[in-house]
Amino acid sequence: MLGDSELAGTLITHAHPDHIGALKEMRAALEVPVMAHRGGVSLRAERWLEDGEVVEVGEHSLRVRHTPGHTDDMLCYGIEGDNRVIVGDAIFEGGPGHTSSPGAFRTTLRTLRDVILAWPDETVCYPGHGPSFRLGDKRAAIEAFLSKDHGSFFGDATWEM
């Protein structure tokens, strides 16, 4: 699949098994640096990424955004000068990513309010699962979701709840 591409590295959105399950094999086969956020997980990386940092990938520059909630190490990668963002499991067309505690859910709410909704409506989000979507098409639903008191909720949420 990679053809004759010149590889810059392996970018990790977060260290859940469904996203890094083949990392050991990829690391051995590709021999490129693994880049991730520290976030308290036991992942070995050659480069630790922080919010706002830029990663050069071929002709593109990717802006790193730390978007905790689903996990502490959750990162999104936005293409500079473009409207596309790889969002991993930070946000989906139908709701925010799964959370494992009330504190993680509150962190997700802050991330949605302070980071993701700051992006322009034209932003196209590419999640780790499911279809891509235009942020502007979901903005009203996200804002309505944020305006509600969800108490001590955590788990799988939808914009309609």
N, C-alpha and C. Protein backbone atom coordinates (compact mmCIF):
# COMPACT_ATOMS: atom_id res chain seq x y z
N MET A 1 0.81 -1.20 0.00
CA MET A 1 0.00 0.00 0.00
C MET A 1 0.85 1.27 0.00
N LEU A 2 2.01 1.21 0.61
CA LEU A 2 2.84 2.41 0.72
C LEU A 2 3.62 2.70 -0.56
N GLY A 3 3.73 1.70 -1.43
CA GLY A 3 4.43 1.90 -2.68
C GLY A 3 5.84 2.40 -2.46
N ASP A 4 6.22 3.43 -3.21
CA ASP A 4 7.57 3.98 -3.05
C ASP A 4 7.55 5.27 -2.23
N SER A 5 6.58 5.36 -1.30
CA SER A 5 6.49 6.53 -0.42
C SER A 5 7.72 6.65 0.45
N GLU A 6 8.09 7.87 0.76
CA GLU A 6 9.16 8.13 1.71
C GLU A 6 8.50 8.37 3.06
N LEU A 7 8.70 7.47 3.99
CA LEU A 7 8.00 7.52 5.27
C LEU A 7 8.70 8.44 6.26
N ALA A 8 7.89 9.25 6.96
CA ALA A 8 8.43 10.18 7.95
C ALA A 8 8.32 9.62 9.36
N GLY A 9 7.35 8.76 9.59
CA GLY A 9 7.15 8.22 10.92
C GLY A 9 5.77 7.61 11.06
N THR A 10 5.52 7.06 12.22
CA THR A 10 4.21 6.52 12.56
C THR A 10 3.60 7.44 13.60
N LEU A 11 2.50 8.09 13.24
CA LEU A 11 1.81 9.02 14.13
C LEU A 11 0.71 8.27 14.87
N ILE A 12 0.71 8.36 16.18
CA ILE A 12 -0.27 7.69 17.01
C ILE A 12 -1.30 8.72 17.48
N THR A 13 -2.60 8.42 17.30
CA THR A 13 -3.63 9.30 17.85
C THR A 13 -3.82 9.02 19.34
N HIS A 14 -3.81 7.73 19.70
CA HIS A 14 -3.88 7.31 21.10
C HIS A 14 -3.53 5.84 21.18
N ALA A 15 -3.23 5.37 22.38
CA ALA A 15 -2.64 4.04 22.52
C ALA A 15 -3.62 2.94 22.89
N HIS A 16 -4.85 3.00 22.40
CA HIS A 16 -5.76 1.88 22.60
C HIS A 16 -5.37 0.74 21.66
N PRO A 17 -5.60 -0.50 22.07
CA PRO A 17 -5.18 -1.66 21.28
C PRO A 17 -5.69 -1.66 19.83
N ASP A 18 -6.89 -1.14 19.59
CA ASP A 18 -7.40 -1.14 18.22
C ASP A 18 -6.68 -0.11 17.33
N HIS A 19 -5.85 0.74 17.92
CA HIS A 19 -5.09 1.72 17.16
C HIS A 19 -3.60 1.40 17.11
N ILE A 20 -3.12 0.60 18.04
CA ILE A 20 -1.69 0.28 18.06
C ILE A 20 -1.42 -1.22 18.06
N GLY A 21 -2.42 -2.02 17.79
CA GLY A 21 -2.28 -3.47 17.85
C GLY A 21 -1.17 -4.03 16.98
N ALA A 22 -0.91 -3.39 15.85
CA ALA A 22 0.14 -3.87 14.94
C ALA A 22 1.40 -3.01 15.01
N LEU A 23 1.51 -2.20 16.06
CA LEU A 23 2.63 -1.27 16.15
C LEU A 23 3.98 -1.98 16.19
N LYS A 24 4.08 -3.06 16.92
CA LYS A 24 5.35 -3.78 17.00
C LYS A 24 5.81 -4.23 15.61
N GLU A 25 4.90 -4.79 14.85
CA GLU A 25 5.22 -5.25 13.50
C GLU A 25 5.52 -4.08 12.57
N MET A 26 4.74 -3.01 12.69
CA MET A 26 4.95 -1.82 11.86
C MET A 26 6.32 -1.21 12.17
N ARG A 27 6.65 -1.14 13.44
CA ARG A 27 7.94 -0.57 13.85
C ARG A 27 9.09 -1.35 13.22
N ALA A 28 9.01 -2.69 13.26
CA ALA A 28 10.06 -3.54 12.71
C ALA A 28 10.13 -3.44 11.19
N ALA A 29 8.98 -3.39 10.53
CA ALA A 29 8.95 -3.39 9.06
C ALA A 29 9.32 -2.03 8.47
N LEU A 30 8.89 -0.96 9.10
CA LEU A 30 9.06 0.37 8.51
C LEU A 30 10.32 1.09 8.97
N GLU A 31 10.79 0.79 10.17
CA GLU A 31 11.98 1.42 10.72
C GLU A 31 11.93 2.94 10.66
N VAL A 32 10.81 3.49 11.10
CA VAL A 32 10.63 4.94 11.20
C VAL A 32 10.23 5.26 12.64
N PRO A 33 10.45 6.49 13.08
CA PRO A 33 10.12 6.84 14.45
C PRO A 33 8.62 6.80 14.73
N VAL A 34 8.29 6.36 15.94
CA VAL A 34 6.91 6.41 16.42
C VAL A 34 6.76 7.72 17.17
N MET A 35 5.68 8.44 16.88
CA MET A 35 5.42 9.73 17.51
C MET A 35 4.07 9.68 18.20
N ALA A 36 4.03 10.12 19.47
CA ALA A 36 2.81 10.04 20.27
C ALA A 36 2.89 11.05 21.40
N HIS A 37 1.80 11.18 22.15
CA HIS A 37 1.76 12.01 23.35
C HIS A 37 2.01 11.11 24.56
N ARG A 38 2.74 11.62 25.54
CA ARG A 38 3.07 10.82 26.73
C ARG A 38 1.81 10.30 27.40
N GLY A 39 0.91 11.16 27.81
CA GLY A 39 -0.40 10.82 28.32
C GLY A 39 -0.52 9.70 29.34
N GLY A 40 0.54 9.27 29.94
CA GLY A 40 0.45 8.29 31.01
C GLY A 40 0.32 6.84 30.57
N VAL A 41 0.55 6.53 29.33
CA VAL A 41 0.46 5.15 28.87
C VAL A 41 1.85 4.56 28.70
N SER A 42 1.91 3.27 28.69
CA SER A 42 3.21 2.61 28.53
C SER A 42 3.47 2.32 27.06
N LEU A 43 3.72 3.35 26.31
CA LEU A 43 4.01 3.25 24.89
C LEU A 43 5.42 3.78 24.67
N ARG A 44 6.21 3.07 23.91
CA ARG A 44 7.57 3.53 23.60
C ARG A 44 7.51 4.33 22.31
N ALA A 45 7.98 5.55 22.38
CA ALA A 45 8.01 6.41 21.19
C ALA A 45 9.39 7.03 21.06
N GLU A 46 9.77 7.30 19.83
CA GLU A 46 11.05 7.99 19.59
C GLU A 46 10.88 9.50 19.70
N ARG A 47 9.64 9.98 19.54
CA ARG A 47 9.38 11.41 19.65
C ARG A 47 8.07 11.62 20.38
N TRP A 48 8.13 12.39 21.47
CA TRP A 48 6.92 12.73 22.22
C TRP A 48 6.39 14.06 21.70
N LEU A 49 5.12 14.07 21.35
CA LEU A 49 4.51 15.26 20.76
C LEU A 49 3.71 16.03 21.80
N GLU A 50 3.72 17.35 21.65
CA GLU A 50 2.98 18.24 22.54
C GLU A 50 2.01 19.09 21.72
N ASP A 51 1.01 19.61 22.39
CA ASP A 51 0.01 20.46 21.74
C ASP A 51 0.68 21.63 21.03
N GLY A 52 0.27 21.88 19.79
CA GLY A 52 0.77 23.00 19.02
C GLY A 52 2.01 22.71 18.20
N GLU A 53 2.66 21.59 18.47
CA GLU A 53 3.87 21.21 17.73
C GLU A 53 3.52 20.93 16.27
N VAL A 54 4.51 21.04 15.41
CA VAL A 54 4.32 20.77 13.98
C VAL A 54 5.20 19.58 13.58
N VAL A 55 4.61 18.66 12.82
CA VAL A 55 5.32 17.50 12.29
C VAL A 55 5.34 17.64 10.78
N GLU A 56 6.52 17.58 10.21
CA GLU A 56 6.66 17.66 8.74
C GLU A 56 6.47 16.28 8.14
N VAL A 57 5.56 16.17 7.19
CA VAL A 57 5.27 14.91 6.51
C VAL A 57 5.26 15.20 5.01
N GLY A 58 6.35 14.87 4.36
CA GLY A 58 6.44 15.15 2.92
C GLY A 58 6.28 16.63 2.66
N GLU A 59 5.33 16.97 1.80
CA GLU A 59 5.07 18.37 1.45
C GLU A 59 4.13 19.06 2.43
N HIS A 60 3.68 18.33 3.45
CA HIS A 60 2.69 18.87 4.38
C HIS A 60 3.27 19.06 5.77
N SER A 61 2.66 19.99 6.48
CA SER A 61 2.95 20.19 7.90
C SER A 61 1.68 19.87 8.66
N LEU A 62 1.83 19.05 9.70
CA LEU A 62 0.69 18.66 10.52
C LEU A 62 0.79 19.35 11.87
N ARG A 63 -0.27 20.05 12.25
CA ARG A 63 -0.33 20.70 13.56
C ARG A 63 -0.91 19.70 14.56
N VAL A 64 -0.19 19.47 15.64
CA VAL A 64 -0.61 18.54 16.68
C VAL A 64 -1.54 19.26 17.65
N ARG A 65 -2.68 18.64 17.94
CA ARG A 65 -3.61 19.18 18.94
C ARG A 65 -3.86 18.11 19.99
N HIS A 66 -3.56 18.42 21.23
CA HIS A 66 -3.84 17.50 22.33
C HIS A 66 -5.33 17.63 22.65
N THR A 67 -6.05 16.52 22.55
CA THR A 67 -7.51 16.52 22.72
C THR A 67 -7.92 15.44 23.72
N PRO A 68 -7.53 15.58 24.98
CA PRO A 68 -7.81 14.53 25.97
C PRO A 68 -9.30 14.39 26.25
N GLY A 69 -9.64 13.25 26.81
CA GLY A 69 -11.01 12.91 27.16
C GLY A 69 -11.22 11.43 26.93
N HIS A 70 -11.28 11.04 25.67
CA HIS A 70 -11.37 9.61 25.35
C HIS A 70 -10.20 8.89 26.02
N THR A 71 -9.01 9.45 25.89
CA THR A 71 -7.82 9.02 26.62
C THR A 71 -7.01 10.26 26.96
N ASP A 72 -6.08 10.13 27.89
CA ASP A 72 -5.23 11.26 28.26
C ASP A 72 -4.23 11.60 27.16
N ASP A 73 -3.91 10.62 26.31
CA ASP A 73 -2.89 10.83 25.28
C ASP A 73 -3.48 11.15 23.90
N MET A 74 -4.77 11.43 23.83
CA MET A 74 -5.46 11.63 22.55
C MET A 74 -4.89 12.84 21.80
N LEU A 75 -4.49 12.60 20.55
CA LEU A 75 -3.99 13.66 19.68
C LEU A 75 -4.80 13.72 18.38
N CYS A 76 -4.95 14.92 17.85
CA CYS A 76 -5.49 15.14 16.52
C CYS A 76 -4.39 15.78 15.69
N TYR A 77 -4.44 15.54 14.38
CA TYR A 77 -3.43 16.07 13.47
C TYR A 77 -4.12 16.84 12.35
N GLY A 78 -3.94 18.16 12.34
CA GLY A 78 -4.52 19.00 11.30
C GLY A 78 -3.50 19.38 10.26
N ILE A 79 -3.89 19.30 9.00
CA ILE A 79 -3.00 19.69 7.90
C ILE A 79 -2.97 21.21 7.84
N GLU A 80 -1.80 21.80 8.00
CA GLU A 80 -1.66 23.25 7.95
C GLU A 80 -2.09 23.79 6.59
N GLY A 81 -2.85 24.88 6.58
CA GLY A 81 -3.31 25.49 5.34
C GLY A 81 -4.37 24.67 4.64
N ASP A 82 -5.03 23.80 5.34
CA ASP A 82 -6.02 22.88 4.78
C ASP A 82 -7.15 22.75 5.80
N ASN A 83 -8.24 22.16 5.40
CA ASN A 83 -9.38 22.02 6.31
C ASN A 83 -9.54 20.60 6.85
N ARG A 84 -8.56 19.73 6.67
CA ARG A 84 -8.69 18.33 7.09
C ARG A 84 -7.93 18.07 8.40
N VAL A 85 -8.60 17.30 9.29
CA VAL A 85 -8.01 16.95 10.58
C VAL A 85 -8.26 15.46 10.85
N ILE A 86 -7.20 14.74 11.17
CA ILE A 86 -7.34 13.37 11.64
C ILE A 86 -7.66 13.46 13.12
N VAL A 87 -8.86 13.02 13.52
CA VAL A 87 -9.32 13.22 14.89
C VAL A 87 -9.29 11.97 15.76
N GLY A 88 -8.86 10.83 15.20
CA GLY A 88 -8.80 9.61 16.00
C GLY A 88 -10.15 9.31 16.62
N ASP A 89 -10.18 9.11 17.95
CA ASP A 89 -11.43 8.84 18.65
C ASP A 89 -11.87 10.02 19.52
N ALA A 90 -11.38 11.23 19.20
CA ALA A 90 -11.76 12.42 19.97
C ALA A 90 -13.21 12.81 19.71
N ILE A 91 -13.65 12.62 18.47
CA ILE A 91 -15.01 13.02 18.08
C ILE A 91 -15.43 12.17 16.88
N PHE A 92 -16.72 11.87 16.85
CA PHE A 92 -17.31 11.11 15.75
C PHE A 92 -18.51 11.87 15.21
N GLU A 93 -18.99 11.45 14.07
CA GLU A 93 -20.18 12.08 13.50
C GLU A 93 -21.36 12.04 14.47
N GLY A 94 -21.51 10.95 15.22
CA GLY A 94 -22.66 10.78 16.09
C GLY A 94 -22.46 11.16 17.54
N GLY A 95 -21.25 11.53 17.94
CA GLY A 95 -21.02 11.89 19.33
C GLY A 95 -19.54 11.92 19.66
N PRO A 96 -19.23 12.24 20.92
CA PRO A 96 -17.83 12.24 21.34
C PRO A 96 -17.35 10.81 21.57
N GLY A 97 -16.05 10.65 21.67
CA GLY A 97 -15.49 9.33 21.93
C GLY A 97 -15.88 8.80 23.30
N HIS A 98 -15.84 7.50 23.46
CA HIS A 98 -16.16 6.82 24.71
C HIS A 98 -15.28 7.36 25.84
N THR A 99 -15.86 7.49 27.03
CA THR A 99 -15.09 7.89 28.20
C THR A 99 -15.24 6.82 29.28
N SER A 100 -14.22 6.69 30.12
CA SER A 100 -14.19 5.62 31.11
C SER A 100 -14.43 6.08 32.54
N SER A 101 -14.71 7.37 32.73
CA SER A 101 -14.99 7.89 34.07
C SER A 101 -15.69 9.24 33.93
N PRO A 102 -16.38 9.69 35.00
CA PRO A 102 -16.98 11.03 34.94
C PRO A 102 -15.94 12.13 34.70
N GLY A 103 -14.74 11.98 35.27
CA GLY A 103 -13.68 12.96 35.05
C GLY A 103 -13.25 13.01 33.60
N ALA A 104 -13.13 11.84 32.96
CA ALA A 104 -12.77 11.80 31.54
C ALA A 104 -13.86 12.43 30.69
N PHE A 105 -15.12 12.21 31.07
CA PHE A 105 -16.22 12.83 30.32
C PHE A 105 -16.15 14.35 30.45
N ARG A 106 -15.90 14.86 31.65
CA ARG A 106 -15.77 16.32 31.84
C ARG A 106 -14.60 16.86 31.01
N THR A 107 -13.50 16.09 30.93
CA THR A 107 -12.37 16.49 30.10
C THR A 107 -12.78 16.54 28.63
N THR A 108 -13.55 15.56 28.18
CA THR A 108 -14.06 15.57 26.81
C THR A 108 -14.88 16.82 26.54
N LEU A 109 -15.74 17.20 27.48
CA LEU A 109 -16.56 18.41 27.30
C LEU A 109 -15.68 19.64 27.15
N ARG A 110 -14.63 19.75 27.97
CA ARG A 110 -13.70 20.89 27.86
C ARG A 110 -12.98 20.87 26.52
N THR A 111 -12.55 19.69 26.08
CA THR A 111 -11.85 19.57 24.79
C THR A 111 -12.78 19.98 23.65
N LEU A 112 -14.02 19.53 23.68
CA LEU A 112 -14.97 19.92 22.64
C LEU A 112 -15.15 21.44 22.62
N ARG A 113 -15.36 22.02 23.79
CA ARG A 113 -15.63 23.45 23.91
C ARG A 113 -14.41 24.30 23.55
N ASP A 114 -13.26 23.94 24.10
CA ASP A 114 -12.08 24.80 24.01
C ASP A 114 -11.20 24.54 22.79
N VAL A 115 -11.22 23.33 22.26
CA VAL A 115 -10.33 22.98 21.15
C VAL A 115 -11.11 22.75 19.86
N ILE A 116 -11.96 21.76 19.85
CA ILE A 116 -12.60 21.33 18.61
C ILE A 116 -13.56 22.38 18.05
N LEU A 117 -14.39 22.98 18.91
CA LEU A 117 -15.32 24.00 18.39
C LEU A 117 -14.61 25.28 17.96
N ALA A 118 -13.34 25.43 18.29
CA ALA A 118 -12.57 26.59 17.82
C ALA A 118 -12.18 26.44 16.35
N TRP A 119 -12.29 25.23 15.81
CA TRP A 119 -11.96 24.99 14.42
C TRP A 119 -13.07 25.54 13.52
N PRO A 120 -12.75 25.96 12.31
CA PRO A 120 -13.78 26.49 11.40
C PRO A 120 -14.80 25.44 10.98
N ASP A 121 -15.98 25.91 10.60
CA ASP A 121 -17.04 25.01 10.13
C ASP A 121 -16.59 24.14 8.97
N GLU A 122 -15.67 24.63 8.15
CA GLU A 122 -15.22 23.90 6.96
C GLU A 122 -14.32 22.72 7.30
N THR A 123 -13.93 22.59 8.57
CA THR A 123 -13.05 21.50 8.98
C THR A 123 -13.71 20.16 8.68
N VAL A 124 -12.98 19.30 7.99
CA VAL A 124 -13.44 17.94 7.74
C VAL A 124 -12.70 17.03 8.70
N CYS A 125 -13.46 16.32 9.54
CA CYS A 125 -12.91 15.46 10.57
C CYS A 125 -12.86 14.02 10.07
N TYR A 126 -11.70 13.39 10.24
CA TYR A 126 -11.50 11.99 9.86
C TYR A 126 -11.27 11.17 11.12
N PRO A 127 -12.34 10.54 11.65
CA PRO A 127 -12.20 9.76 12.88
C PRO A 127 -11.56 8.40 12.65
N GLY A 128 -11.16 7.77 13.73
CA GLY A 128 -10.55 6.45 13.66
C GLY A 128 -11.53 5.35 13.30
N HIS A 129 -12.81 5.63 13.42
CA HIS A 129 -13.86 4.67 13.09
C HIS A 129 -15.02 5.46 12.47
N GLY A 130 -15.64 4.93 11.46
CA GLY A 130 -16.81 5.57 10.87
C GLY A 130 -16.47 6.62 9.83
N PRO A 131 -17.53 7.27 9.31
CA PRO A 131 -17.34 8.20 8.20
C PRO A 131 -16.75 9.54 8.63
N SER A 132 -16.14 10.21 7.67
CA SER A 132 -15.68 11.59 7.90
C SER A 132 -16.92 12.49 7.90
N PHE A 133 -16.76 13.69 8.44
CA PHE A 133 -17.87 14.64 8.50
C PHE A 133 -17.33 16.05 8.57
N ARG A 134 -18.16 16.99 8.17
CA ARG A 134 -17.83 18.41 8.21
C ARG A 134 -18.25 18.95 9.57
N LEU A 135 -17.34 19.58 10.29
CA LEU A 135 -17.62 20.07 11.64
C LEU A 135 -18.83 21.00 11.66
N GLY A 136 -18.95 21.87 10.68
CA GLY A 136 -20.07 22.81 10.65
C GLY A 136 -21.42 22.13 10.60
N ASP A 137 -21.47 20.93 10.02
CA ASP A 137 -22.73 20.19 9.95
C ASP A 137 -23.12 19.63 11.31
N LYS A 138 -22.20 19.55 12.24
CA LYS A 138 -22.45 19.00 13.58
C LYS A 138 -22.40 20.06 14.68
N ARG A 139 -21.98 21.28 14.34
CA ARG A 139 -21.75 22.31 15.35
C ARG A 139 -22.97 22.56 16.24
N ALA A 140 -24.15 22.72 15.66
CA ALA A 140 -25.36 23.00 16.46
C ALA A 140 -25.64 21.85 17.43
N ALA A 141 -25.49 20.62 16.97
CA ALA A 141 -25.73 19.46 17.83
C ALA A 141 -24.70 19.39 18.95
N ILE A 142 -23.46 19.70 18.65
CA ILE A 142 -22.40 19.69 19.67
C ILE A 142 -22.66 20.78 20.70
N GLU A 143 -23.01 21.97 20.23
CA GLU A 143 -23.30 23.07 21.15
C GLU A 143 -24.49 22.75 22.05
N ALA A 144 -25.54 22.15 21.49
CA ALA A 144 -26.70 21.75 22.29
C ALA A 144 -26.28 20.69 23.32
N PHE A 145 -25.47 19.75 22.93
CA PHE A 145 -24.95 18.71 23.82
C PHE A 145 -24.18 19.35 24.97
N LEU A 146 -23.33 20.32 24.66
CA LEU A 146 -22.52 20.98 25.68
C LEU A 146 -23.36 21.83 26.64
N SER A 147 -24.51 22.28 26.19
CA SER A 147 -25.34 23.15 27.03
C SER A 147 -26.12 22.37 28.09
N LYS A 148 -26.15 21.05 28.01
CA LYS A 148 -26.91 20.22 28.94
C LYS A 148 -26.06 19.81 30.14
N ASP A 149 -26.76 19.54 31.25
CA ASP A 149 -26.11 19.00 32.44
C ASP A 149 -26.15 17.48 32.33
N HIS A 150 -25.00 16.87 32.18
CA HIS A 150 -24.94 15.42 32.04
C HIS A 150 -24.62 14.72 33.36
N GLY A 151 -24.61 15.49 34.45
CA GLY A 151 -24.37 14.90 35.76
C GLY A 151 -23.05 14.16 35.81
N SER A 152 -23.07 12.96 36.36
CA SER A 152 -21.84 12.17 36.50
C SER A 152 -21.73 11.11 35.40
N PHE A 153 -22.28 11.40 34.25
CA PHE A 153 -22.27 10.46 33.13
C PHE A 153 -20.85 10.15 32.67
N PHE A 154 -20.66 8.94 32.16
CA PHE A 154 -19.50 8.56 31.37
C PHE A 154 -19.90 7.34 30.55
N GLY A 155 -19.14 7.07 29.50
CA GLY A 155 -19.45 5.93 28.62
C GLY A 155 -19.59 6.40 27.19
N ASP A 156 -20.52 5.76 26.48
CA ASP A 156 -20.79 6.10 25.08
C ASP A 156 -21.88 7.15 25.02
N ALA A 157 -21.59 8.28 24.41
CA ALA A 157 -22.56 9.37 24.33
C ALA A 157 -22.92 9.62 22.85
N THR A 158 -24.10 10.20 22.67
CA THR A 158 -24.52 10.66 21.35
C THR A 158 -24.90 12.13 21.49
N TRP A 159 -24.85 12.86 20.38
CA TRP A 159 -25.17 14.28 20.41
C TRP A 159 -26.61 14.51 20.86
N GLU A 160 -27.49 13.54 20.65
CA GLU A 160 -28.91 13.72 20.97
C GLU A 160 -29.23 13.56 22.45
N MET A 161 -28.31 13.04 23.24
CA MET A 161 -28.65 12.79 24.65
C MET A 161 -28.56 14.04 25.51
